[in-house]
PDB file of all heavy atoms in Angstrom:
ATOM      1  N   ALA A   1     -38.599  -6.818 -18.810  1.00  0.00           N
ATOM      2  CA  ALA A   1     -37.859  -7.070 -20.008  1.00  0.00           C
ATOM      3  C   ALA A   1     -36.717  -6.084 -20.188  1.00  0.00           C
ATOM      4  O   ALA A   1     -35.600  -6.392 -20.552  1.00  0.00           O
ATOM      5  CB  ALA A   1     -38.801  -7.061 -21.246  1.00  0.00           C
ATOM      6  N   LYS A   2     -36.999  -4.864 -19.832  1.00  0.00           N
ATOM      7  CA  LYS A   2     -35.949  -3.770 -19.962  1.00  0.00           C
ATOM      8  C   LYS A   2     -34.873  -4.119 -18.962  1.00  0.00           C
ATOM      9  O   LYS A   2     -33.697  -3.942 -19.247  1.00  0.00           O
ATOM     10  CB  LYS A   2     -36.609  -2.441 -19.718  1.00  0.00           C
ATOM     11  CG  LYS A   2     -37.543  -1.919 -20.700  1.00  0.00           C
ATOM     12  CD  LYS A   2     -38.135  -0.557 -20.343  1.00  0.00           C
ATOM     13  CE  LYS A   2     -39.124  -0.121 -21.398  1.00  0.00           C
ATOM     14  NZ  LYS A   2     -39.727   1.213 -21.002  1.00  0.00           N
ATOM     15  N   ILE A   3     -35.310  -4.524 -17.747  1.00  0.00           N
ATOM     16  CA  ILE A   3     -34.317  -4.801 -16.737  1.00  0.00           C
ATOM     17  C   ILE A   3     -33.409  -5.969 -17.164  1.00  0.00           C
ATOM     18  O   ILE A   3     -32.180  -5.947 -16.978  1.00  0.00           O
ATOM     19  CB  ILE A   3     -35.001  -5.180 -15.423  1.00  0.00           C
ATOM     20  CG1 ILE A   3     -35.666  -3.922 -14.811  1.00  0.00           C
ATOM     21  CG2 ILE A   3     -33.996  -5.747 -14.409  1.00  0.00           C
ATOM     22  CD1 ILE A   3     -36.635  -4.256 -13.712  1.00  0.00           C
ATOM     23  N   ALA A   4     -33.972  -7.013 -17.828  1.00  0.00           N
ATOM     24  CA  ALA A   4     -33.291  -8.180 -18.283  1.00  0.00           C
ATOM     25  C   ALA A   4     -32.181  -7.721 -19.307  1.00  0.00           C
ATOM     26  O   ALA A   4     -31.074  -8.173 -19.328  1.00  0.00           O
ATOM     27  CB  ALA A   4     -34.177  -9.220 -18.805  1.00  0.00           C
ATOM     28  N   VAL A   5     -32.655  -6.859 -20.262  1.00  0.00           N
ATOM     29  CA  VAL A   5     -31.809  -6.417 -21.314  1.00  0.00           C
ATOM     30  C   VAL A   5     -30.671  -5.543 -20.669  1.00  0.00           C
ATOM     31  O   VAL A   5     -29.533  -5.697 -21.182  1.00  0.00           O
ATOM     32  CB  VAL A   5     -32.589  -5.524 -22.328  1.00  0.00           C
ATOM     33  CG1 VAL A   5     -31.642  -4.841 -23.308  1.00  0.00           C
ATOM     34  CG2 VAL A   5     -33.567  -6.421 -23.083  1.00  0.00           C
ATOM     35  N   ALA A   6     -30.963  -4.732 -19.773  1.00  0.00           N
ATOM     36  CA  ALA A   6     -29.989  -3.944 -19.045  1.00  0.00           C
ATOM     37  C   ALA A   6     -28.969  -4.781 -18.392  1.00  0.00           C
ATOM     38  O   ALA A   6     -27.729  -4.528 -18.455  1.00  0.00           O
ATOM     39  CB  ALA A   6     -30.635  -3.008 -18.080  1.00  0.00           C
ATOM     40  N   LYS A   7     -29.403  -5.868 -17.719  1.00  0.00           N
ATOM     41  CA  LYS A   7     -28.388  -6.717 -17.068  1.00  0.00           C
ATOM     42  C   LYS A   7     -27.585  -7.445 -18.056  1.00  0.00           C
ATOM     43  O   LYS A   7     -26.371  -7.589 -17.837  1.00  0.00           O
ATOM     44  CB  LYS A   7     -29.208  -7.755 -16.221  1.00  0.00           C
ATOM     45  CG  LYS A   7     -29.834  -7.179 -14.960  1.00  0.00           C
ATOM     46  CD  LYS A   7     -30.487  -8.255 -14.182  1.00  0.00           C
ATOM     47  CE  LYS A   7     -31.044  -7.737 -12.841  1.00  0.00           C
ATOM     48  NZ  LYS A   7     -31.720  -8.778 -12.002  1.00  0.00           N
ATOM     49  N   ALA A   8     -28.161  -7.889 -19.198  1.00  0.00           N
ATOM     50  CA  ALA A   8     -27.365  -8.495 -20.277  1.00  0.00           C
ATOM     51  C   ALA A   8     -26.361  -7.567 -20.793  1.00  0.00           C
ATOM     52  O   ALA A   8     -25.200  -7.927 -21.082  1.00  0.00           O
ATOM     53  CB  ALA A   8     -28.299  -9.003 -21.410  1.00  0.00           C
ATOM     54  N   GLN A   9     -26.652  -6.331 -20.974  1.00  0.00           N
ATOM     55  CA  GLN A   9     -25.773  -5.306 -21.525  1.00  0.00           C
ATOM     56  C   GLN A   9     -24.619  -5.066 -20.490  1.00  0.00           C
ATOM     57  O   GLN A   9     -23.488  -4.882 -20.853  1.00  0.00           O
ATOM     58  CB  GLN A   9     -26.487  -4.020 -21.704  1.00  0.00           C
ATOM     59  CG  GLN A   9     -25.640  -2.837 -22.274  1.00  0.00           C
ATOM     60  CD  GLN A   9     -25.139  -3.237 -23.698  1.00  0.00           C
ATOM     61  OE1 GLN A   9     -25.888  -3.650 -24.546  1.00  0.00           O
ATOM     62  NE2 GLN A   9     -23.838  -3.224 -23.895  1.00  0.00           N
ATOM     63  N   GLU A  10     -24.974  -5.051 -19.194  1.00  0.00           N
ATOM     64  CA  GLU A  10     -23.979  -4.970 -18.164  1.00  0.00           C
ATOM     65  C   GLU A  10     -22.985  -6.092 -18.207  1.00  0.00           C
ATOM     66  O   GLU A  10     -21.729  -5.881 -18.015  1.00  0.00           O
ATOM     67  CB  GLU A  10     -24.572  -4.890 -16.761  1.00  0.00           C
ATOM     68  CG  GLU A  10     -25.300  -3.520 -16.511  1.00  0.00           C
ATOM     69  CD  GLU A  10     -26.043  -3.619 -15.144  1.00  0.00           C
ATOM     70  OE1 GLU A  10     -26.062  -4.606 -14.525  1.00  0.00           O
ATOM     71  OE2 GLU A  10     -26.588  -2.479 -14.813  1.00  0.00           O
ATOM     72  N   LYS A  11     -23.481  -7.303 -18.427  1.00  0.00           N
ATOM     73  CA  LYS A  11     -22.578  -8.506 -18.505  1.00  0.00           C
ATOM     74  C   LYS A  11     -21.695  -8.312 -19.783  1.00  0.00           C
ATOM     75  O   LYS A  11     -20.509  -8.649 -19.687  1.00  0.00           O
ATOM     76  CB  LYS A  11     -23.400  -9.739 -18.678  1.00  0.00           C
ATOM     77  CG  LYS A  11     -24.097 -10.202 -17.391  1.00  0.00           C
ATOM     78  CD  LYS A  11     -24.849 -11.462 -17.505  1.00  0.00           C
ATOM     79  CE  LYS A  11     -25.505 -11.861 -16.237  1.00  0.00           C
ATOM     80  NZ  LYS A  11     -26.243 -13.114 -16.386  1.00  0.00           N
ATOM     81  N   MET A  12     -22.299  -7.884 -20.934  1.00  0.00           N
ATOM     82  CA  MET A  12     -21.467  -7.652 -22.025  1.00  0.00           C
ATOM     83  C   MET A  12     -20.383  -6.621 -21.808  1.00  0.00           C
ATOM     84  O   MET A  12     -19.201  -6.788 -22.260  1.00  0.00           O
ATOM     85  CB  MET A  12     -22.387  -7.193 -23.177  1.00  0.00           C
ATOM     86  CG  MET A  12     -23.309  -8.235 -23.737  1.00  0.00           C
ATOM     87  SD  MET A  12     -22.464  -9.516 -24.692  1.00  0.00           S
ATOM     88  CE  MET A  12     -21.827  -8.555 -26.072  1.00  0.00           C
ATOM     89  N   ASN A  13     -20.721  -5.604 -21.121  1.00  0.00           N
ATOM     90  CA  ASN A  13     -19.716  -4.545 -20.772  1.00  0.00           C
ATOM     91  C   ASN A  13     -18.595  -5.179 -19.909  1.00  0.00           C
ATOM     92  O   ASN A  13     -17.455  -4.872 -20.125  1.00  0.00           O
ATOM     93  CB  ASN A  13     -20.343  -3.344 -20.025  1.00  0.00           C
ATOM     94  CG  ASN A  13     -21.318  -2.634 -20.921  1.00  0.00           C
ATOM     95  OD1 ASN A  13     -21.230  -2.648 -22.169  1.00  0.00           O
ATOM     96  ND2 ASN A  13     -22.242  -1.896 -20.247  1.00  0.00           N
ATOM     97  N   ASP A  14     -18.967  -5.972 -18.937  1.00  0.00           N
ATOM     98  CA  ASP A  14     -17.955  -6.650 -18.114  1.00  0.00           C
ATOM     99  C   ASP A  14     -17.065  -7.595 -18.928  1.00  0.00           C
ATOM    100  O   ASP A  14     -15.868  -7.582 -18.780  1.00  0.00           O
ATOM    101  CB  ASP A  14     -18.667  -7.515 -16.978  1.00  0.00           C
ATOM    102  CG  ASP A  14     -19.366  -6.580 -16.017  1.00  0.00           C
ATOM    103  OD1 ASP A  14     -18.965  -5.423 -15.946  1.00  0.00           O
ATOM    104  OD2 ASP A  14     -20.236  -7.158 -15.308  1.00  0.00           O
ATOM    105  N   ILE A  15     -17.663  -8.310 -19.835  1.00  0.00           N
ATOM    106  CA  ILE A  15     -16.946  -9.220 -20.782  1.00  0.00           C
ATOM    107  C   ILE A  15     -15.985  -8.408 -21.665  1.00  0.00           C
ATOM    108  O   ILE A  15     -14.754  -8.771 -21.875  1.00  0.00           O
ATOM    109  CB  ILE A  15     -17.794 -10.057 -21.612  1.00  0.00           C
ATOM    110  CG1 ILE A  15     -18.603 -11.067 -20.752  1.00  0.00           C
ATOM    111  CG2 ILE A  15     -17.062 -10.814 -22.713  1.00  0.00           C
ATOM    112  CD1 ILE A  15     -19.671 -11.868 -21.423  1.00  0.00           C
ATOM    113  N   TYR A  16     -16.469  -7.290 -22.170  1.00  0.00           N
ATOM    114  CA  TYR A  16     -15.657  -6.438 -23.041  1.00  0.00           C
ATOM    115  C   TYR A  16     -14.470  -5.878 -22.230  1.00  0.00           C
ATOM    116  O   TYR A  16     -13.289  -5.890 -22.721  1.00  0.00           O
ATOM    117  CB  TYR A  16     -16.565  -5.268 -23.547  1.00  0.00           C
ATOM    118  CG  TYR A  16     -15.813  -4.380 -24.476  1.00  0.00           C
ATOM    119  CD1 TYR A  16     -15.512  -4.686 -25.799  1.00  0.00           C
ATOM    120  CD2 TYR A  16     -15.372  -3.053 -24.059  1.00  0.00           C
ATOM    121  CE1 TYR A  16     -14.849  -3.887 -26.608  1.00  0.00           C
ATOM    122  CE2 TYR A  16     -14.702  -2.150 -24.867  1.00  0.00           C
ATOM    123  CZ  TYR A  16     -14.429  -2.613 -26.190  1.00  0.00           C
ATOM    124  OH  TYR A  16     -13.794  -1.738 -27.013  1.00  0.00           O
ATOM    125  N   ASP A  17     -14.730  -5.482 -21.019  1.00  0.00           N
ATOM    126  CA  ASP A  17     -13.640  -4.970 -20.072  1.00  0.00           C
ATOM    127  C   ASP A  17     -12.571  -6.098 -19.903  1.00  0.00           C
ATOM    128  O   ASP A  17     -11.429  -5.858 -19.934  1.00  0.00           O
ATOM    129  CB  ASP A  17     -14.139  -4.497 -18.821  1.00  0.00           C
ATOM    130  CG  ASP A  17     -14.961  -3.200 -19.003  1.00  0.00           C
ATOM    131  OD1 ASP A  17     -14.726  -2.528 -20.010  1.00  0.00           O
ATOM    132  OD2 ASP A  17     -15.743  -2.865 -18.067  1.00  0.00           O
ATOM    133  N   ALA A  18     -13.070  -7.275 -19.645  1.00  0.00           N
ATOM    134  CA  ALA A  18     -12.222  -8.399 -19.412  1.00  0.00           C
ATOM    135  C   ALA A  18     -11.317  -8.732 -20.663  1.00  0.00           C
ATOM    136  O   ALA A  18     -10.156  -9.074 -20.541  1.00  0.00           O
ATOM    137  CB  ALA A  18     -13.004  -9.662 -18.992  1.00  0.00           C
ATOM    138  N   ALA A  19     -11.981  -8.675 -21.830  1.00  0.00           N
ATOM    139  CA  ALA A  19     -11.237  -8.906 -23.076  1.00  0.00           C
ATOM    140  C   ALA A  19     -10.164  -7.821 -23.271  1.00  0.00           C
ATOM    141  O   ALA A  19      -9.089  -8.198 -23.738  1.00  0.00           O
ATOM    142  CB  ALA A  19     -12.268  -8.870 -24.248  1.00  0.00           C
ATOM    143  N   ASN A  20     -10.506  -6.642 -22.976  1.00  0.00           N
ATOM    144  CA  ASN A  20      -9.536  -5.555 -23.107  1.00  0.00           C
ATOM    145  C   ASN A  20      -8.341  -5.764 -22.139  1.00  0.00           C
ATOM    146  O   ASN A  20      -7.182  -5.646 -22.518  1.00  0.00           O
ATOM    147  CB  ASN A  20     -10.168  -4.165 -22.786  1.00  0.00           C
ATOM    148  CG  ASN A  20     -11.048  -3.684 -23.936  1.00  0.00           C
ATOM    149  OD1 ASN A  20     -10.929  -4.187 -25.112  1.00  0.00           O
ATOM    150  ND2 ASN A  20     -11.884  -2.762 -23.626  1.00  0.00           N
ATOM    151  N   LYS A  21      -8.687  -6.226 -20.972  1.00  0.00           N
ATOM    152  CA  LYS A  21      -7.623  -6.567 -20.023  1.00  0.00           C
ATOM    153  C   LYS A  21      -6.768  -7.669 -20.405  1.00  0.00           C
ATOM    154  O   LYS A  21      -5.569  -7.741 -20.293  1.00  0.00           O
ATOM    155  CB  LYS A  21      -8.206  -6.856 -18.620  1.00  0.00           C
ATOM    156  CG  LYS A  21      -8.787  -5.661 -17.939  1.00  0.00           C
ATOM    157  CD  LYS A  21      -9.523  -6.067 -16.578  1.00  0.00           C
ATOM    158  CE  LYS A  21     -10.150  -4.813 -15.973  1.00  0.00           C
ATOM    159  NZ  LYS A  21     -10.840  -5.086 -14.637  1.00  0.00           N
ATOM    160  N   ALA A  22      -7.381  -8.714 -21.074  1.00  0.00           N
ATOM    161  CA  ALA A  22      -6.662  -9.823 -21.600  1.00  0.00           C
ATOM    162  C   ALA A  22      -5.741  -9.462 -22.698  1.00  0.00           C
ATOM    163  O   ALA A  22      -4.560  -9.898 -22.754  1.00  0.00           O
ATOM    164  CB  ALA A  22      -7.705 -10.926 -22.125  1.00  0.00           C
ATOM    165  N   ASP A  23      -6.266  -8.554 -23.625  1.00  0.00           N
ATOM    166  CA  ASP A  23      -5.364  -7.991 -24.641  1.00  0.00           C
ATOM    167  C   ASP A  23      -4.135  -7.358 -24.097  1.00  0.00           C
ATOM    168  O   ASP A  23      -3.032  -7.452 -24.594  1.00  0.00           O
ATOM    169  CB  ASP A  23      -6.115  -7.103 -25.588  1.00  0.00           C
ATOM    170  CG  ASP A  23      -7.213  -7.729 -26.445  1.00  0.00           C
ATOM    171  OD1 ASP A  23      -7.071  -9.015 -26.611  1.00  0.00           O
ATOM    172  OD2 ASP A  23      -8.120  -7.201 -26.922  1.00  0.00           O
ATOM    173  N   SER A  24      -4.384  -6.531 -23.025  1.00  0.00           N
ATOM    174  CA  SER A  24      -3.277  -5.827 -22.398  1.00  0.00           C
ATOM    175  C   SER A  24      -2.310  -6.842 -21.824  1.00  0.00           C
ATOM    176  O   SER A  24      -1.065  -6.551 -21.928  1.00  0.00           O
ATOM    177  CB  SER A  24      -3.842  -4.963 -21.300  1.00  0.00           C
ATOM    178  OG  SER A  24      -4.717  -4.011 -21.775  1.00  0.00           O
ATOM    179  N   LYS A  25      -2.801  -7.923 -21.237  1.00  0.00           N
ATOM    180  CA  LYS A  25      -1.842  -8.935 -20.702  1.00  0.00           C
ATOM    181  C   LYS A  25      -1.117  -9.603 -21.770  1.00  0.00           C
ATOM    182  O   LYS A  25       0.147  -9.928 -21.614  1.00  0.00           O
ATOM    183  CB  LYS A  25      -2.631  -9.885 -19.858  1.00  0.00           C
ATOM    184  CG  LYS A  25      -3.266  -9.356 -18.575  1.00  0.00           C
ATOM    185  CD  LYS A  25      -4.043 -10.355 -17.855  1.00  0.00           C
ATOM    186  CE  LYS A  25      -4.621  -9.765 -16.546  1.00  0.00           C
ATOM    187  NZ  LYS A  25      -5.460 -10.616 -15.784  1.00  0.00           N
ATOM    188  N   VAL A  26      -1.713  -9.899 -22.937  1.00  0.00           N
ATOM    189  CA  VAL A  26      -1.060 -10.486 -24.037  1.00  0.00           C
ATOM    190  C   VAL A  26       0.109  -9.578 -24.566  1.00  0.00           C
ATOM    191  O   VAL A  26       1.214  -9.996 -24.875  1.00  0.00           O
ATOM    192  CB  VAL A  26      -1.995 -10.815 -25.142  1.00  0.00           C
ATOM    193  CG1 VAL A  26      -1.283 -11.198 -26.415  1.00  0.00           C
ATOM    194  CG2 VAL A  26      -2.936 -11.956 -24.762  1.00  0.00           C
ATOM    195  N   ASP A  27      -0.224  -8.263 -24.670  1.00  0.00           N
ATOM    196  CA  ASP A  27       0.724  -7.331 -25.084  1.00  0.00           C
ATOM    197  C   ASP A  27       1.939  -7.262 -24.128  1.00  0.00           C
ATOM    198  O   ASP A  27       3.091  -7.248 -24.466  1.00  0.00           O
ATOM    199  CB  ASP A  27       0.143  -5.938 -25.307  1.00  0.00           C
ATOM    200  CG  ASP A  27      -0.867  -5.882 -26.382  1.00  0.00           C
ATOM    201  OD1 ASP A  27      -0.814  -6.761 -27.259  1.00  0.00           O
ATOM    202  OD2 ASP A  27      -1.770  -4.982 -26.402  1.00  0.00           O
ATOM    203  N   ALA A  28       1.573  -7.267 -22.836  1.00  0.00           N
ATOM    204  CA  ALA A  28       2.642  -7.212 -21.850  1.00  0.00           C
ATOM    205  C   ALA A  28       3.495  -8.468 -21.868  1.00  0.00           C
ATOM    206  O   ALA A  28       4.701  -8.374 -21.718  1.00  0.00           O
ATOM    207  CB  ALA A  28       1.982  -7.102 -20.415  1.00  0.00           C
ATOM    208  N   PHE A  29       2.881  -9.667 -22.180  1.00  0.00           N
ATOM    209  CA  PHE A  29       3.670 -10.881 -22.258  1.00  0.00           C
ATOM    210  C   PHE A  29       4.608 -10.792 -23.449  1.00  0.00           C
ATOM    211  O   PHE A  29       5.755 -11.280 -23.339  1.00  0.00           O
ATOM    212  CB  PHE A  29       2.677 -11.998 -22.447  1.00  0.00           C
ATOM    213  CG  PHE A  29       3.336 -13.390 -22.378  1.00  0.00           C
ATOM    214  CD1 PHE A  29       3.532 -14.000 -21.203  1.00  0.00           C
ATOM    215  CD2 PHE A  29       3.756 -14.031 -23.559  1.00  0.00           C
ATOM    216  CE1 PHE A  29       4.146 -15.276 -21.147  1.00  0.00           C
ATOM    217  CE2 PHE A  29       4.363 -15.216 -23.518  1.00  0.00           C
ATOM    218  CZ  PHE A  29       4.568 -15.873 -22.321  1.00  0.00           C
ATOM    219  N   ALA A  30       4.113 -10.232 -24.524  1.00  0.00           N
ATOM    220  CA  ALA A  30       4.980 -10.077 -25.662  1.00  0.00           C
ATOM    221  C   ALA A  30       6.191  -9.174 -25.350  1.00  0.00           C
ATOM    222  O   ALA A  30       7.244  -9.446 -25.825  1.00  0.00           O
ATOM    223  CB  ALA A  30       4.167  -9.527 -26.861  1.00  0.00           C
ATOM    224  N   ARG A  31       5.887  -8.143 -24.611  1.00  0.00           N
ATOM    225  CA  ARG A  31       7.055  -7.258 -24.292  1.00  0.00           C
ATOM    226  C   ARG A  31       7.969  -7.936 -23.392  1.00  0.00           C
ATOM    227  O   ARG A  31       9.231  -7.697 -23.491  1.00  0.00           O
ATOM    228  CB  ARG A  31       6.425  -5.979 -23.639  1.00  0.00           C
ATOM    229  CG  ARG A  31       5.667  -5.002 -24.493  1.00  0.00           C
ATOM    230  CD  ARG A  31       5.449  -3.676 -23.867  1.00  0.00           C
ATOM    231  NE  ARG A  31       4.632  -3.741 -22.629  1.00  0.00           N
ATOM    232  CZ  ARG A  31       3.307  -3.692 -22.664  1.00  0.00           C
ATOM    233  NH1 ARG A  31       2.684  -3.642 -23.878  1.00  0.00           N
ATOM    234  NH2 ARG A  31       2.649  -3.716 -21.591  1.00  0.00           N
ATOM    235  N   MET A  32       7.499  -8.771 -22.479  1.00  0.00           N
ATOM    236  CA  MET A  32       8.378  -9.559 -21.586  1.00  0.00           C
ATOM    237  C   MET A  32       9.260 -10.536 -22.428  1.00  0.00           C
ATOM    238  O   MET A  32      10.421 -10.795 -22.085  1.00  0.00           O
ATOM    239  CB  MET A  32       7.623 -10.309 -20.550  1.00  0.00           C
ATOM    240  CG  MET A  32       6.893  -9.428 -19.543  1.00  0.00           C
ATOM    241  SD  MET A  32       8.123  -8.332 -18.672  1.00  0.00           S
ATOM    242  CE  MET A  32       7.829  -6.722 -19.450  1.00  0.00           C
ATOM    243  N   GLU A  33       8.607 -11.110 -23.455  1.00  0.00           N
ATOM    244  CA  GLU A  33       9.386 -12.034 -24.373  1.00  0.00           C
ATOM    245  C   GLU A  33      10.457 -11.276 -25.019  1.00  0.00           C
ATOM    246  O   GLU A  33      11.632 -11.813 -25.176  1.00  0.00           O
ATOM    247  CB  GLU A  33       8.427 -12.644 -25.366  1.00  0.00           C
ATOM    248  CG  GLU A  33       7.605 -13.754 -24.891  1.00  0.00           C
ATOM    249  CD  GLU A  33       6.794 -14.478 -25.994  1.00  0.00           C
ATOM    250  OE1 GLU A  33       6.287 -13.666 -26.862  1.00  0.00           O
ATOM    251  OE2 GLU A  33       6.686 -15.658 -25.993  1.00  0.00           O
ATOM    252  N   GLU A  34      10.184 -10.049 -25.524  1.00  0.00           N
ATOM    253  CA  GLU A  34      11.223  -9.243 -26.226  1.00  0.00           C
ATOM    254  C   GLU A  34      12.317  -8.970 -25.232  1.00  0.00           C
ATOM    255  O   GLU A  34      13.491  -8.966 -25.584  1.00  0.00           O
ATOM    256  CB  GLU A  34      10.571  -7.962 -26.714  1.00  0.00           C
ATOM    257  CG  GLU A  34       9.572  -8.201 -27.876  1.00  0.00           C
ATOM    258  CD  GLU A  34       8.910  -6.904 -28.302  1.00  0.00           C
ATOM    259  OE1 GLU A  34       9.154  -5.831 -27.638  1.00  0.00           O
ATOM    260  OE2 GLU A  34       8.134  -6.930 -29.249  1.00  0.00           O
ATOM    261  N   LYS A  35      12.051  -8.584 -23.961  1.00  0.00           N
ATOM    262  CA  LYS A  35      13.016  -8.337 -23.047  1.00  0.00           C
ATOM    263  C   LYS A  35      13.848  -9.594 -22.737  1.00  0.00           C
ATOM    264  O   LYS A  35      15.119  -9.452 -22.536  1.00  0.00           O
ATOM    265  CB  LYS A  35      12.391  -7.850 -21.710  1.00  0.00           C
ATOM    266  CG  LYS A  35      11.833  -6.418 -21.777  1.00  0.00           C
ATOM    267  CD  LYS A  35      11.319  -5.904 -20.487  1.00  0.00           C
ATOM    268  CE  LYS A  35      10.807  -4.491 -20.565  1.00  0.00           C
ATOM    269  NZ  LYS A  35      10.339  -3.960 -19.219  1.00  0.00           N
ATOM    270  N   ALA A  36      13.198 -10.777 -22.622  1.00  0.00           N
ATOM    271  CA  ALA A  36      13.960 -11.991 -22.371  1.00  0.00           C
ATOM    272  C   ALA A  36      14.944 -12.237 -23.512  1.00  0.00           C
ATOM    273  O   ALA A  36      15.997 -12.683 -23.366  1.00  0.00           O
ATOM    274  CB  ALA A  36      12.942 -13.147 -22.216  1.00  0.00           C
ATOM    275  N   ASP A  37      14.452 -12.102 -24.758  1.00  0.00           N
ATOM    276  CA  ASP A  37      15.318 -12.315 -25.933  1.00  0.00           C
ATOM    277  C   ASP A  37      16.547 -11.366 -25.862  1.00  0.00           C
ATOM    278  O   ASP A  37      17.662 -11.696 -26.181  1.00  0.00           O
ATOM    279  CB  ASP A  37      14.547 -12.067 -27.217  1.00  0.00           C
ATOM    280  CG  ASP A  37      13.517 -13.149 -27.487  1.00  0.00           C
ATOM    281  OD1 ASP A  37      13.614 -14.202 -26.856  1.00  0.00           O
ATOM    282  OD2 ASP A  37      12.584 -12.891 -28.245  1.00  0.00           O
ATOM    283  N   ALA A  38      16.231 -10.075 -25.512  1.00  0.00           N
ATOM    284  CA  ALA A  38      17.308  -9.076 -25.506  1.00  0.00           C
ATOM    285  C   ALA A  38      18.377  -9.493 -24.408  1.00  0.00           C
ATOM    286  O   ALA A  38      19.602  -9.367 -24.600  1.00  0.00           O
ATOM    287  CB  ALA A  38      16.689  -7.711 -25.259  1.00  0.00           C
ATOM    288  N   MET A  39      17.778  -9.911 -23.222  1.00  0.00           N
ATOM    289  CA  MET A  39      18.703 -10.359 -22.143  1.00  0.00           C
ATOM    290  C   MET A  39      19.510 -11.562 -22.566  1.00  0.00           C
ATOM    291  O   MET A  39      20.801 -11.612 -22.261  1.00  0.00           O
ATOM    292  CB  MET A  39      17.855 -10.713 -20.892  1.00  0.00           C
ATOM    293  CG  MET A  39      17.167  -9.550 -20.247  1.00  0.00           C
ATOM    294  SD  MET A  39      16.047 -10.036 -18.898  1.00  0.00           S
ATOM    295  CE  MET A  39      17.248 -10.730 -17.774  1.00  0.00           C
ATOM    296  N   LEU A  40      18.887 -12.528 -23.274  1.00  0.00           N
ATOM    297  CA  LEU A  40      19.672 -13.676 -23.724  1.00  0.00           C
ATOM    298  C   LEU A  40      20.774 -13.332 -24.777  1.00  0.00           C
ATOM    299  O   LEU A  40      21.855 -13.782 -24.700  1.00  0.00           O
ATOM    300  CB  LEU A  40      18.703 -14.725 -24.353  1.00  0.00           C
ATOM    301  CG  LEU A  40      19.345 -15.966 -24.849  1.00  0.00           C
ATOM    302  CD1 LEU A  40      20.098 -16.706 -23.778  1.00  0.00           C
ATOM    303  CD2 LEU A  40      18.327 -16.880 -25.482  1.00  0.00           C
TER     304      LEU A  40
END
């Protein structure tokens, strides 16, 4: 049971890391949009 909980926690950590990376990509996309507007 402890092992199962630990594995679930590891998956949660992976998902959390993926969400953080997604947020970073969204922010980077927004910055690219700003650059595109400035270029236009």
